[in-house]
């Protein structure tokens, strides 16, 4: 173990034993310093938490690389300093919210107190609220910034801090680096923890109502809903913020047969009924599917703890539950918005959609075949928000999403929005039922019309400093030794978004993107796509694989098995 690193981390840790830190924190730090195993000390102090693709996120505990009121405090002081410099001629305002996680209220109130102490007006939600409502409130109240205390779908040990700008989107350049620069200047003694209570305004019910009215703008065809108002729906918030908003949103759209998983309606940051509150994990949907079976439901839905992501379970042609993946869910959204807006005469030449670069290429086929312009952006919904912003006043956004179970079907929010997306998904299920189909039937129809694709995401977790070094080495190796074939197919196009260069059939050219990103992509002559991306907020590297397969329009299992065989070969060749 690096002795100099131990010395450096010990010195940083000893600073946390000074006056100003609470006794519980001091005891935790002292124990790490005195422990024989220095790994916890190094992991807690080897770096400062930084703003990544989702802001600030980490394991809760003492240390500069942990989520605690002091790290939150220093981040907020730096953010406040940046806001006051960015808006020198007005009294700026911010919106502050949180989700169901442990310490969520403590961190949110800490954030509100510090902003107010720096002369910034604060709109603090009275209790937990969905992430999209925070984004909506920033726009509705014309605030200059916002903070949402959340770690999204991460395990219970985590909490986080999403920083938003005045458009309701998470911060992008130059604000992200500007905030980091200010945060890095802050020492704990500079943090103004004592609030100016006159500048803190509690908000809640009125904003809920206004947000729910806005969500209805995502509706495409209310007549279909009214005909299928008894669609049998089971919903779970997975102990999180969707518990009140989403059932109410569904009712406001006209759905009347809504059932909830009562055990998971309980707010609890320990998430006692699931291993992980991630809608990407099938285990999280078990209780919902059990209730759905008991009630003979048409579909089972869930939102993650901060209610920006959704999960969808429908019945296959044997009546068994099938969990749709994020690409399939998004694909249905894109298809339905385009197809039914076109039928109703609502689709305009200036309408556009957005997807992320790691999301299924089948979605681009759907848009292109129907003459709808679709933009590819980086992973992270702030990039979809960026595309909406640069097109404002010129083109109309009608939908966008990503493979990780996030979608935004209207333009009043600038983040993933599960309340609006769940309502729209139920409208799609109602439309399918109105046309003698299930969601599964609709999925097969889309594959038959546009081609079958299967996707697989593999996450390789590498925690701590040693893990970060391993991930860096993996990316360097891919750049030095890129794959020349995948599953026996020649790679004809490679993209490096860090250098903004692509090579197609041996010819290099520039990539047109708004910024650089540490992502690599490979495309084969037969339509295989592989993307490699280190996470900006978690200690892992992700591989996104996508392969086509022959599909006869009926046998989903056969097409899926053929694609899975190719995916297995690809994963083995990549060493994952």
Protein backbone atom coordinates (compact mmCIF):
# COMPACT_ATOMS: atom_id res chain seq x y z
CA UNK A 1 0.00 0.00 0.00
CA UNK A 2 1.30 3.48 -0.93
CA UNK A 3 2.80 4.96 2.25
CA UNK A 4 2.66 8.52 0.93
CA UNK A 5 -1.03 8.10 0.14
CA UNK A 6 -1.63 6.86 3.70
CA UNK A 7 0.20 9.91 5.07
CA UNK A 8 -1.77 12.29 2.87
CA UNK A 9 -5.12 10.72 3.79
CA UNK A 10 -4.19 10.68 7.49
CA UNK A 11 -3.36 14.39 7.36
CA UNK A 12 -6.70 15.15 5.69
CA UNK A 13 -8.49 13.00 8.25
CA UNK A 14 -6.80 14.68 11.23
CA UNK A 15 -8.19 18.01 10.08
CA UNK A 16 -11.64 16.52 10.72
CA UNK A 17 -10.80 16.11 14.41
CA UNK A 18 -10.77 19.89 14.91
CA UNK A 19 -13.51 21.96 16.55
CA UNK A 20 -16.48 22.49 14.30
CA UNK A 21 -17.10 18.81 13.58
CA UNK A 22 -19.63 16.91 15.67
CA UNK A 23 -18.50 14.21 18.10
CA UNK A 24 -19.98 11.33 16.10
CA UNK A 25 -18.00 12.36 13.03
CA UNK A 26 -14.81 12.78 15.05
CA UNK A 27 -15.19 9.30 16.54
CA UNK A 28 -15.68 7.74 13.11
CA UNK A 29 -12.63 9.52 11.71
CA UNK A 30 -10.48 8.66 14.72
CA UNK A 31 -11.37 4.98 14.36
CA UNK A 32 -10.28 5.03 10.69
CA UNK A 33 -6.95 6.69 11.57
CA UNK A 34 -6.20 4.15 14.32
CA UNK A 35 -7.32 1.05 12.38
CA UNK A 36 -4.63 -1.33 11.14
CA UNK A 37 -6.37 -1.67 7.77
CA UNK A 38 -6.02 1.72 6.09
CA UNK A 39 -8.32 0.92 3.15
CA UNK A 40 -11.42 2.59 4.71
CA UNK A 41 -9.30 5.67 5.53
CA UNK A 42 -7.99 5.91 1.99
CA UNK A 43 -11.42 5.36 0.40
CA UNK A 44 -12.92 8.06 2.65
CA UNK A 45 -10.20 10.70 2.12
CA UNK A 46 -8.20 10.01 -1.07
CA UNK A 47 -10.29 12.50 -3.06
CA UNK A 48 -13.12 15.01 -2.76
CA UNK A 49 -16.51 14.06 -4.14
CA UNK A 50 -16.85 15.77 -7.50
CA UNK A 51 -19.74 16.76 -9.74
CA UNK A 52 -20.09 13.99 -12.31
CA UNK A 53 -22.89 13.18 -14.76
CA UNK A 54 -25.40 13.31 -11.90
CA UNK A 55 -23.81 15.83 -9.56
CA UNK A 56 -22.45 14.74 -6.20
CA UNK A 57 -23.04 11.15 -5.08
CA UNK A 58 -21.40 8.78 -2.64
CA UNK A 59 -21.62 6.48 0.34
CA UNK A 60 -22.77 8.22 3.52
CA UNK A 61 -20.21 8.57 6.29
CA UNK A 62 -17.32 10.71 7.47
CA UNK A 63 -14.65 11.85 5.01
CA UNK A 64 -14.02 14.09 2.03
CA UNK A 65 -15.07 11.29 -0.32
CA UNK A 66 -18.30 10.59 1.55
CA UNK A 67 -21.75 12.15 1.76
CA UNK A 68 -22.13 13.99 5.08
CA UNK A 69 -23.34 17.40 6.22
CA UNK A 70 -19.83 18.87 5.99
CA UNK A 71 -19.18 17.78 2.40
CA UNK A 72 -22.73 18.85 1.56
CA UNK A 73 -22.07 22.09 3.40
CA UNK A 74 -18.85 22.90 1.55
CA UNK A 75 -20.43 21.99 -1.80
CA UNK A 76 -23.38 24.24 -1.06
CA UNK A 77 -21.17 27.12 0.08
CA UNK A 78 -19.22 26.87 -3.15
CA UNK A 79 -22.45 26.61 -5.16
CA UNK A 80 -23.82 29.66 -3.33
CA UNK A 81 -20.65 31.62 -4.08
CA UNK A 82 -20.96 30.70 -7.76
CA UNK A 83 -24.66 31.63 -7.92
CA UNK A 84 -24.04 35.02 -6.33
CA UNK A 85 -21.24 35.73 -8.81
CA UNK A 86 -23.36 34.57 -11.76
CA UNK A 87 -26.34 36.77 -10.77
CA UNK A 88 -24.80 39.91 -9.24
CA UNK A 89 -27.68 42.28 -9.97
CA UNK A 90 -30.60 40.35 -8.46
CA UNK A 91 -31.39 38.38 -5.36
CA UNK A 92 -31.14 34.85 -6.74
CA UNK A 93 -33.54 32.08 -5.74
CA UNK A 94 -33.09 28.31 -5.52
CA UNK A 95 -35.41 25.33 -5.14
CA UNK A 96 -34.36 22.59 -2.71
CA UNK A 97 -35.87 19.12 -2.47
CA UNK A 98 -35.03 15.59 -1.35
CA UNK A 99 -36.20 12.01 -1.70
CA UNK A 100 -36.80 9.21 0.81
CA UNK A 101 -33.18 8.39 1.62
CA UNK A 102 -31.65 8.37 5.07
CA UNK A 103 -30.35 11.84 5.98
CA UNK A 104 -32.29 13.32 3.08
CA UNK A 105 -34.15 15.86 5.19
CA UNK A 106 -31.00 16.70 7.17
CA UNK A 107 -29.01 17.38 4.01
CA UNK A 108 -31.86 19.33 2.36
CA UNK A 109 -32.27 21.58 5.39
CA UNK A 110 -28.48 22.02 5.58
CA UNK A 111 -28.50 23.12 1.93
CA UNK A 112 -31.42 25.50 2.50
CA UNK A 113 -29.79 27.01 5.59
CA UNK A 114 -26.51 27.71 3.81
CA UNK A 115 -28.13 29.23 0.74
CA UNK A 116 -30.25 31.52 2.92
CA UNK A 117 -27.20 32.51 4.99
CA UNK A 118 -25.62 33.66 1.73
CA UNK A 119 -28.55 35.94 0.90
CA UNK A 120 -30.22 33.56 -1.54
CA UNK A 121 -33.98 33.03 -1.50
CA UNK A 122 -34.84 29.37 -0.90
CA UNK A 123 -37.99 27.46 -1.87
CA UNK A 124 -37.76 24.33 0.29
CA UNK A 125 -40.22 21.50 -0.31
CA UNK A 126 -42.10 20.54 2.85
CA UNK A 127 -41.23 16.86 2.46
CA UNK A 128 -39.95 14.39 -0.11
CA UNK A 129 -40.85 15.04 -3.76
CA UNK A 130 -40.06 13.46 -7.16
CA UNK A 131 -36.97 14.69 -8.99
CA UNK A 132 -39.00 15.91 -12.00
CA UNK A 133 -41.12 18.08 -9.72
CA UNK A 134 -37.96 19.78 -8.44
CA UNK A 135 -36.96 20.51 -12.04
CA UNK A 136 -40.47 21.73 -12.81
CA UNK A 137 -40.52 24.01 -9.75
CA UNK A 138 -37.25 25.69 -10.77
CA UNK A 139 -38.82 26.66 -14.08
CA UNK A 140 -42.21 27.52 -12.59
CA UNK A 141 -40.76 29.78 -9.88
CA UNK A 142 -38.17 31.25 -12.25
CA UNK A 143 -35.42 30.31 -9.82
CA UNK A 144 -31.78 30.63 -10.79
CA UNK A 145 -30.74 27.19 -9.54
CA UNK A 146 -31.78 24.18 -7.50
CA UNK A 147 -30.57 21.24 -5.48
CA UNK A 148 -32.16 17.84 -5.11
CA UNK A 149 -30.79 15.56 -2.40
CA UNK A 150 -31.03 12.09 -3.90
CA UNK A 151 -28.98 9.09 -4.95
CA UNK A 152 -31.65 7.99 -7.41
CA UNK A 153 -31.76 4.17 -7.61
CA UNK A 154 -28.48 3.45 -5.79
CA UNK A 155 -28.28 1.12 -2.75
CA UNK A 156 -29.32 2.36 0.69
CA UNK A 157 -25.76 3.29 1.73
CA UNK A 158 -25.71 6.13 -0.81
CA UNK A 159 -26.99 9.66 -0.93
CA UNK A 160 -26.33 12.43 -3.39
CA UNK A 161 -26.76 16.01 -4.46
CA UNK A 162 -28.00 17.01 -7.91
CA UNK A 163 -27.22 20.60 -8.87
CA UNK A 164 -29.61 22.31 -11.28
CA UNK A 165 -29.42 25.57 -13.23
CA UNK A 166 -32.12 28.08 -14.16
CA UNK A 167 -33.53 26.01 -17.03
CA UNK A 168 -34.40 23.20 -14.59
CA UNK A 169 -31.66 20.93 -15.96
CA UNK A 170 -28.61 19.57 -14.19
CA UNK A 171 -25.61 21.84 -14.58
CA UNK A 172 -23.45 21.65 -17.69
CA UNK A 173 -20.27 23.44 -18.74
CA UNK A 174 -19.22 26.08 -17.88
CA UNK A 175 -21.33 26.01 -14.72
CA UNK A 176 -20.30 22.50 -13.61
CA UNK A 177 -16.58 23.28 -13.63
CA UNK A 178 -17.24 26.77 -12.30
CA UNK A 179 -19.08 25.33 -9.31
CA UNK A 180 -16.34 22.77 -8.72
CA UNK A 181 -13.73 25.54 -8.76
CA UNK A 182 -15.69 27.46 -6.14
CA UNK A 183 -16.27 24.34 -4.03
CA UNK A 184 -12.57 23.52 -4.08
CA UNK A 185 -11.78 26.96 -2.62
CA UNK A 186 -14.06 26.43 0.39
CA UNK A 187 -12.75 25.36 3.78
CA UNK A 188 -15.08 24.13 6.48
CA UNK A 189 -14.67 27.32 8.56
CA UNK A 190 -16.04 29.36 5.64
CA UNK A 191 -19.36 27.51 5.50
CA UNK A 192 -22.28 29.59 6.73
CA UNK A 193 -24.41 26.98 8.49
CA UNK A 194 -26.64 29.41 10.41
CA UNK A 195 -29.78 30.15 8.36
CA UNK A 196 -31.54 33.39 7.51
CA UNK A 197 -35.01 31.96 8.11
CA UNK A 198 -36.71 34.96 6.49
CA UNK A 199 -35.34 33.79 3.14
CA UNK A 200 -36.64 30.21 3.42
CA UNK A 201 -40.15 29.58 2.05
CA UNK A 202 -41.75 26.16 2.44
CA UNK A 203 -43.61 24.91 -0.65
CA UNK A 204 -45.68 21.80 -1.28
CA UNK A 205 -49.31 21.24 -2.19
CA UNK A 206 -49.81 24.15 -4.59
CA UNK A 207 -46.73 23.13 -6.57
CA UNK A 208 -47.97 19.51 -6.62
CA UNK A 209 -51.22 20.66 -8.22
CA UNK A 210 -49.48 22.85 -10.78
CA UNK A 211 -47.07 20.07 -11.68
CA UNK A 212 -49.89 17.53 -12.09
CA UNK A 213 -51.69 19.89 -14.45
CA UNK A 214 -48.50 20.19 -16.50
CA UNK A 215 -48.04 16.41 -16.64
CA UNK A 216 -51.36 16.15 -18.46
CA UNK A 217 -49.73 17.92 -21.41
CA UNK A 218 -47.95 14.63 -22.16
CA UNK A 219 -51.31 13.02 -22.97
CA UNK A 220 -51.78 12.21 -26.66
CA UNK A 221 -55.36 10.87 -26.89
CA UNK A 222 -57.75 11.19 -23.93
CA UNK A 223 -60.60 9.51 -25.79
CA UNK A 224 -58.68 6.23 -25.75
CA UNK A 225 -58.16 6.53 -21.99
CA UNK A 226 -61.83 7.21 -21.36
CA UNK A 227 -62.78 4.07 -23.28
CA UNK A 228 -60.25 2.01 -21.31
CA UNK A 229 -60.52 3.80 -17.95
CA UNK A 230 -60.78 0.42 -16.16
CA UNK A 231 -57.32 -0.71 -17.30
CA UNK A 232 -56.14 -2.82 -14.35
CA UNK A 233 -52.96 -1.14 -13.04
CA UNK A 234 -50.66 -2.14 -10.17
CA UNK A 235 -48.11 0.46 -9.03
CA UNK A 236 -45.24 0.58 -6.52
CA UNK A 237 -43.08 3.58 -5.50
CA UNK A 238 -40.40 1.24 -4.02
CA UNK A 239 -40.62 3.20 -0.73
CA UNK A 240 -39.96 6.47 -2.54
CA UNK A 241 -41.35 9.78 -3.70
CA UNK A 242 -43.84 8.54 -6.29
CA UNK A 243 -46.22 7.31 -3.59
CA UNK A 244 -48.59 10.28 -3.71
CA UNK A 245 -47.90 11.96 -7.03
CA UNK A 246 -48.14 8.99 -9.42
CA UNK A 247 -51.49 7.48 -8.34
CA UNK A 248 -52.93 11.01 -8.37
CA UNK A 249 -51.46 11.67 -11.83
CA UNK A 250 -53.02 8.47 -13.17
CA UNK A 251 -56.41 9.46 -11.77
CA UNK A 252 -56.11 12.92 -13.29
CA UNK A 253 -55.60 11.30 -16.70
CA UNK A 254 -58.81 9.31 -16.25
CA UNK A 255 -57.61 5.90 -15.07
CA UNK A 256 -59.86 4.53 -12.32
CA UNK A 257 -58.64 1.01 -11.55
CA UNK A 258 -55.34 1.66 -9.75
CA UNK A 259 -53.88 -0.62 -7.06
CA UNK A 260 -50.75 0.00 -5.01
CA UNK A 261 -48.26 -2.33 -3.32
CA UNK A 262 -49.05 -1.27 0.25
CA UNK A 263 -45.85 -2.61 1.81
CA UNK A 264 -43.81 -0.47 -0.60
CA UNK A 265 -45.91 2.66 -0.09
CA UNK A 266 -44.09 3.08 3.25
CA UNK A 267 -41.38 5.77 3.08
CA UNK A 268 -38.14 4.08 4.15
CA UNK A 269 -34.56 4.87 3.12
CA UNK A 270 -33.51 1.34 4.09
CA UNK A 271 -35.73 -0.12 1.34
CA UNK A 272 -36.67 -3.16 3.46
CA UNK A 273 -38.67 -5.05 0.81
CA UNK A 274 -36.04 -5.02 -1.96
CA UNK A 275 -32.37 -5.91 -2.26
CA UNK A 276 -31.83 -2.73 -4.29
CA UNK A 277 -34.40 -0.05 -5.22
CA UNK A 278 -33.38 -0.13 -8.86
CA UNK A 279 -36.12 -0.73 -11.46
CA UNK A 280 -33.45 -2.28 -13.68
CA UNK A 281 -33.32 -5.22 -11.22
CA UNK A 282 -36.13 -7.71 -11.74
CA UNK A 283 -36.12 -8.60 -8.02
CA UNK A 284 -37.47 -5.13 -7.19
CA UNK A 285 -40.64 -5.92 -9.15
CA UNK A 286 -41.46 -9.20 -7.37
CA UNK A 287 -44.03 -7.86 -4.90
CA UNK A 288 -45.76 -5.87 -7.62
CA UNK A 289 -45.99 -8.92 -9.89
CA UNK A 290 -47.38 -11.02 -7.03
CA UNK A 291 -50.11 -8.45 -6.45
CA UNK A 292 -50.68 -8.20 -10.19
CA UNK A 293 -51.22 -11.95 -10.39
CA UNK A 294 -53.66 -11.86 -7.48
CA UNK A 295 -55.65 -9.02 -9.06
CA UNK A 296 -55.32 -10.25 -12.66
CA UNK A 297 -53.79 -6.88 -13.55
CA UNK A 298 -53.02 -5.74 -17.08
CA UNK A 299 -49.65 -4.32 -16.13
CA UNK A 300 -47.37 -3.65 -13.17
CA UNK A 301 -45.47 -0.37 -12.85
CA UNK A 302 -42.88 1.04 -10.47
CA UNK A 303 -40.83 4.18 -9.99
CA UNK A 304 -37.43 4.38 -8.34
CA UNK A 305 -36.89 6.25 -5.01
CA UNK A 306 -36.71 9.74 -6.54
CA UNK A 307 -39.35 8.90 -9.18
CA UNK A 308 -37.39 9.83 -12.25
CA UNK A 309 -37.14 6.27 -13.63
CA UNK A 310 -39.90 3.77 -14.32
CA UNK A 311 -40.21 0.03 -14.70
CA UNK A 312 -42.90 -1.78 -16.70
CA UNK A 313 -44.13 -5.37 -16.50
CA UNK A 314 -46.71 -6.71 -18.96
CA UNK A 315 -48.10 -10.14 -19.86
CA UNK A 316 -46.63 -12.15 -22.72
CA UNK A 317 -48.71 -14.29 -25.11
CA UNK A 318 -48.78 -17.09 -22.52
CA UNK A 319 -50.15 -14.79 -19.84
CA UNK A 320 -46.85 -14.78 -17.94
CA UNK A 321 -45.27 -11.60 -16.58
CA UNK A 322 -42.54 -10.09 -18.76
CA UNK A 323 -40.35 -7.24 -17.52
CA UNK A 324 -39.64 -4.80 -20.33
CA UNK A 325 -36.12 -3.47 -20.48
CA UNK A 326 -35.39 0.24 -20.70
CA UNK A 327 -34.91 0.19 -24.45
CA UNK A 328 -38.20 -1.61 -25.02
CA UNK A 329 -40.09 0.80 -22.78
CA UNK A 330 -38.53 3.81 -24.50
CA UNK A 331 -39.14 2.29 -27.94
CA UNK A 332 -42.86 2.02 -27.23
CA UNK A 333 -42.94 5.65 -26.09
CA UNK A 334 -41.22 6.92 -29.24
CA UNK A 335 -43.37 4.72 -31.49
CA UNK A 336 -46.64 5.73 -29.84
CA UNK A 337 -45.92 9.47 -29.76
CA UNK A 338 -44.90 9.51 -33.43
CA UNK A 339 -47.59 7.15 -34.73
CA UNK A 340 -50.55 8.61 -32.89
CA UNK A 341 -49.58 12.26 -33.26
CA UNK A 342 -49.36 11.52 -36.98
CA UNK A 343 -52.80 9.85 -37.00
CA UNK A 344 -54.35 12.76 -35.12
CA UNK A 345 -52.71 15.36 -37.35
CA UNK A 346 -50.61 16.67 -34.47
CA UNK A 347 -47.16 15.82 -35.83
CA UNK A 348 -45.37 18.89 -37.20
CA UNK A 349 -42.25 19.20 -39.39
CA UNK A 350 -40.53 21.13 -36.61
CA UNK A 351 -41.08 18.39 -34.01
CA UNK A 352 -37.97 16.59 -32.79
CA UNK A 353 -36.96 13.83 -30.40
CA UNK A 354 -33.76 12.95 -28.54
CA UNK A 355 -32.07 9.74 -27.41
CA UNK A 356 -28.71 8.99 -25.83
CA UNK A 357 -25.83 7.43 -27.74
CA UNK A 358 -26.06 4.15 -25.80
CA UNK A 359 -29.80 3.76 -26.39
CA UNK A 360 -31.09 1.35 -29.05
CA UNK A 361 -30.54 2.29 -32.68
CA UNK A 362 -33.98 0.80 -33.41
CA UNK A 363 -35.45 4.00 -31.95
CA UNK A 364 -33.57 6.08 -34.53
CA UNK A 365 -34.99 3.79 -37.25
CA UNK A 366 -38.54 4.48 -36.03
CA UNK A 367 -37.99 8.23 -36.03
CA UNK A 368 -36.16 8.33 -39.37
CA UNK A 369 -38.72 6.14 -41.14
CA UNK A 370 -41.47 8.53 -40.03
CA UNK A 371 -39.60 11.70 -40.95
CA UNK A 372 -39.03 12.87 -37.38
CA UNK A 373 -35.63 14.35 -36.62
CA UNK A 374 -33.89 12.64 -33.72
CA UNK A 375 -30.72 13.80 -32.00
CA UNK A 376 -28.11 11.61 -30.30
CA UNK A 377 -26.72 12.98 -27.03
CA UNK A 378 -24.47 11.77 -24.24
CA UNK A 379 -25.69 9.61 -21.37
CA UNK A 380 -27.29 11.69 -18.63
CA UNK A 381 -30.54 13.55 -19.02
CA UNK A 382 -28.81 16.91 -18.77
CA UNK A 383 -27.70 16.36 -22.36
CA UNK A 384 -31.27 15.75 -23.52
CA UNK A 385 -32.15 18.95 -21.66
CA UNK A 386 -29.30 20.68 -23.50
CA UNK A 387 -30.76 19.67 -26.86
CA UNK A 388 -34.19 20.94 -25.82
CA UNK A 389 -32.68 24.26 -24.74
CA UNK A 390 -30.70 24.92 -27.93
CA UNK A 391 -33.81 24.23 -30.01
CA UNK A 392 -36.18 26.42 -27.99
CA UNK A 393 -38.05 28.88 -30.20
CA UNK A 394 -37.06 26.97 -33.35
CA UNK A 395 -38.32 23.43 -32.94
CA UNK A 396 -40.71 21.59 -30.63
CA UNK A 397 -39.55 18.76 -28.38
CA UNK A 398 -42.02 15.85 -28.32
CA UNK A 399 -40.10 13.20 -26.39
CA UNK A 400 -36.77 11.74 -25.44
CA UNK A 401 -35.22 9.11 -23.27
CA UNK A 402 -32.44 6.69 -22.49
CA UNK A 403 -32.02 2.96 -22.05
CA UNK A 404 -31.71 3.24 -18.27
CA UNK A 405 -35.50 3.40 -17.75
CA UNK A 406 -35.81 7.18 -18.10
CA UNK A 407 -38.10 9.15 -20.41
CA UNK A 408 -39.46 12.70 -20.70
CA UNK A 409 -42.59 13.02 -22.87
CA UNK A 410 -43.19 16.79 -22.53
CA UNK A 411 -41.16 19.98 -22.24
CA UNK A 412 -42.14 21.47 -18.88
CA UNK A 413 -39.44 19.45 -17.07
CA UNK A 414 -35.75 19.06 -17.83
CA UNK A 415 -35.06 15.67 -16.24
CA UNK A 416 -36.39 12.13 -16.44
CA UNK A 417 -40.05 12.13 -15.44
CA UNK A 418 -41.63 8.88 -14.26
CA UNK A 419 -45.04 10.38 -13.31
CA UNK A 420 -45.56 11.65 -16.87
CA UNK A 421 -43.96 8.56 -18.42
CA UNK A 422 -46.01 6.12 -16.36
CA UNK A 423 -49.20 7.95 -17.32
CA UNK A 424 -48.21 7.85 -21.00
CA UNK A 425 -47.28 4.18 -20.77
CA UNK A 426 -50.73 3.45 -19.36
CA UNK A 427 -52.24 5.41 -22.25
CA UNK A 428 -50.23 3.21 -24.63
CA UNK A 429 -51.54 0.09 -22.87
CA UNK A 430 -55.07 1.52 -23.13
CA UNK A 431 -54.57 2.17 -26.86
CA UNK A 432 -53.28 -1.37 -27.37
CA UNK A 433 -56.29 -2.81 -25.52
CA UNK A 434 -58.60 -0.58 -27.56
CA UNK A 435 -57.07 -2.15 -30.65
CA UNK A 436 -57.32 -5.73 -29.44
CA UNK A 437 -53.69 -6.00 -28.34
CA UNK A 438 -51.62 -6.23 -25.21
CA UNK A 439 -48.41 -4.28 -24.67
CA UNK A 440 -46.56 -7.46 -25.59
CA UNK A 441 -48.46 -7.69 -28.87
CA UNK A 442 -47.52 -4.08 -29.57
CA UNK A 443 -43.87 -4.83 -28.85
CA UNK A 444 -43.91 -7.66 -31.41
CA UNK A 445 -45.61 -5.40 -33.95
CA UNK A 446 -42.88 -2.77 -33.60
CA UNK A 447 -40.16 -5.42 -34.00
CA UNK A 448 -41.94 -6.84 -37.06
CA UNK A 449 -42.23 -3.41 -38.66
CA UNK A 450 -38.76 -2.05 -37.84
CA UNK A 451 -36.50 -5.04 -37.13
CA UNK A 452 -35.54 -7.01 -34.04
CA UNK A 453 -32.77 -5.79 -31.75
CA UNK A 454 -31.68 -7.08 -28.36
CA UNK A 455 -29.65 -5.07 -25.88
CA UNK A 456 -27.58 -6.00 -22.86
CA UNK A 457 -25.87 -3.74 -20.35
CA UNK A 458 -23.05 -5.14 -18.22
CA UNK A 459 -21.64 -3.19 -15.27
CA UNK A 460 -18.21 -4.06 -13.92
CA UNK A 461 -17.92 -2.63 -10.40
CA UNK A 462 -14.48 -1.47 -9.21
CA UNK A 463 -14.80 0.35 -5.84
CA UNK A 464 -12.25 2.65 -4.19
CA UNK A 465 -9.08 4.23 -5.54
CA UNK A 466 -7.70 0.93 -6.80
CA UNK A 467 -10.95 0.40 -8.70
CA UNK A 468 -10.75 3.87 -10.26
CA UNK A 469 -7.21 3.06 -11.43
CA UNK A 470 -8.38 -0.24 -12.94
CA UNK A 471 -11.19 1.46 -14.85
CA UNK A 472 -8.76 4.05 -16.20
CA UNK A 473 -6.41 1.27 -17.35
CA UNK A 474 -9.29 -0.59 -19.04
CA UNK A 475 -10.23 2.49 -21.09
CA UNK A 476 -6.58 3.05 -22.06
CA UNK A 477 -6.32 -0.55 -23.22
CA UNK A 478 -9.44 -0.26 -25.40
CA UNK A 479 -7.98 2.85 -27.01
CA UNK A 480 -4.65 1.15 -27.70
CA UNK A 481 -6.18 -2.17 -28.74
CA UNK A 482 -9.70 -1.59 -30.12
CA UNK A 483 -11.68 -4.66 -31.23
CA UNK A 484 -11.49 -5.33 -34.96
CA UNK A 485 -14.45 -7.73 -34.96
CA UNK A 486 -17.41 -8.57 -32.74
CA UNK A 487 -19.16 -11.96 -32.88
CA UNK A 488 -17.39 -12.67 -36.17
CA UNK A 489 -18.46 -9.39 -37.78
CA UNK A 490 -15.96 -6.77 -38.93
CA UNK A 491 -15.96 -3.47 -37.02
CA UNK A 492 -16.47 -0.80 -39.70
CA UNK A 493 -17.00 2.26 -37.48
CA UNK A 494 -15.41 3.28 -34.19
CA UNK A 495 -16.08 6.46 -32.23
CA UNK A 496 -14.03 8.06 -29.48
CA UNK A 497 -16.01 10.81 -27.81
CA UNK A 498 -13.00 11.84 -25.72
CA UNK A 499 -11.10 12.93 -28.83
CA UNK A 500 -14.28 13.62 -30.85
CA UNK A 501 -12.92 11.47 -33.66
CA UNK A 502 -14.47 8.60 -35.57
CA UNK A 503 -12.99 6.11 -38.03
CA UNK A 504 -15.27 4.62 -40.68
CA UNK A 505 -13.79 2.04 -43.05
CA UNK A 506 -10.34 3.41 -42.28
CA UNK A 507 -11.24 7.07 -42.86
CA UNK A 508 -11.04 9.44 -39.87
CA UNK A 509 -13.42 12.36 -39.37
CA UNK A 510 -14.71 14.63 -36.61
CA UNK A 511 -17.68 13.93 -34.34
CA UNK A 512 -20.19 16.76 -33.96
CA UNK A 513 -20.91 16.83 -30.22
CA UNK A 514 -21.27 19.73 -27.75
CA UNK A 515 -18.47 18.46 -25.48
CA UNK A 516 -16.07 15.57 -24.98
CA UNK A 517 -16.92 12.46 -22.99
CA UNK A 518 -14.96 9.37 -22.02
CA UNK A 519 -16.98 6.97 -24.18
CA UNK A 520 -15.95 4.51 -26.89
CA UNK A 521 -18.27 2.92 -29.46
CA UNK A 522 -17.86 0.18 -32.05
CA UNK A 523 -20.25 -0.71 -34.91
CA UNK A 524 -20.08 -3.76 -37.16
CA UNK A 525 -21.19 -4.30 -40.75
CA UNK A 526 -24.09 -6.45 -39.53
CA UNK A 527 -25.56 -3.89 -37.13
CA UNK A 528 -23.89 -4.83 -33.82
CA UNK A 529 -23.13 -1.88 -31.55
CA UNK A 530 -20.97 -1.86 -28.41
CA UNK A 531 -20.45 1.17 -26.17
CA UNK A 532 -17.95 1.40 -23.30
CA UNK A 533 -18.45 4.09 -20.65
CA UNK A 534 -17.11 4.61 -17.13
CA UNK A 535 -19.85 5.89 -14.84
CA UNK A 536 -19.55 9.52 -13.79
CA UNK A 537 -21.20 8.95 -10.41
CA UNK A 538 -20.51 5.34 -9.45
CA UNK A 539 -17.37 3.14 -9.18
CA UNK A 540 -18.05 1.09 -12.28
CA UNK A 541 -17.49 0.78 -16.01
CA UNK A 542 -20.49 -0.06 -18.19
CA UNK A 543 -20.68 -1.98 -21.45
CA UNK A 544 -23.76 -1.53 -23.63
CA UNK A 545 -24.17 -4.22 -26.30
CA UNK A 546 -26.82 -4.31 -29.02
CA UNK A 547 -27.35 -6.98 -31.68
CA UNK A 548 -29.96 -7.58 -34.40
CA UNK A 549 -31.58 -10.95 -35.12
CA UNK A 550 -34.03 -12.41 -37.60
CA UNK A 551 -37.66 -12.14 -36.46
CA UNK A 552 -40.72 -13.73 -38.06
CA UNK A 553 -43.17 -11.43 -36.29
CA UNK A 554 -44.32 -14.09 -33.84
CA UNK A 555 -41.54 -16.09 -32.17
CA UNK A 556 -39.97 -13.57 -29.77
CA UNK A 557 -38.20 -16.32 -27.83
CA UNK A 558 -36.38 -17.63 -30.93
CA UNK A 559 -35.20 -14.16 -31.98
CA UNK A 560 -34.17 -13.37 -28.42
CA UNK A 561 -32.21 -16.63 -28.09
CA UNK A 562 -30.37 -16.00 -31.37
CA UNK A 563 -29.44 -12.51 -30.25
CA UNK A 564 -28.43 -13.76 -26.79
CA UNK A 565 -25.98 -16.22 -28.35
CA UNK A 566 -24.29 -13.34 -30.17
CA UNK A 567 -24.27 -11.24 -27.02
CA UNK A 568 -22.55 -14.03 -25.11
CA UNK A 569 -19.78 -14.22 -27.71
CA UNK A 570 -19.34 -10.45 -27.60
CA UNK A 571 -19.11 -10.34 -23.81
CA UNK A 572 -16.55 -13.15 -23.78
CA UNK A 573 -14.43 -11.38 -26.37
CA UNK A 574 -14.50 -8.20 -24.28
CA UNK A 575 -13.61 -10.08 -21.11
CA UNK A 576 -16.81 -9.17 -19.25
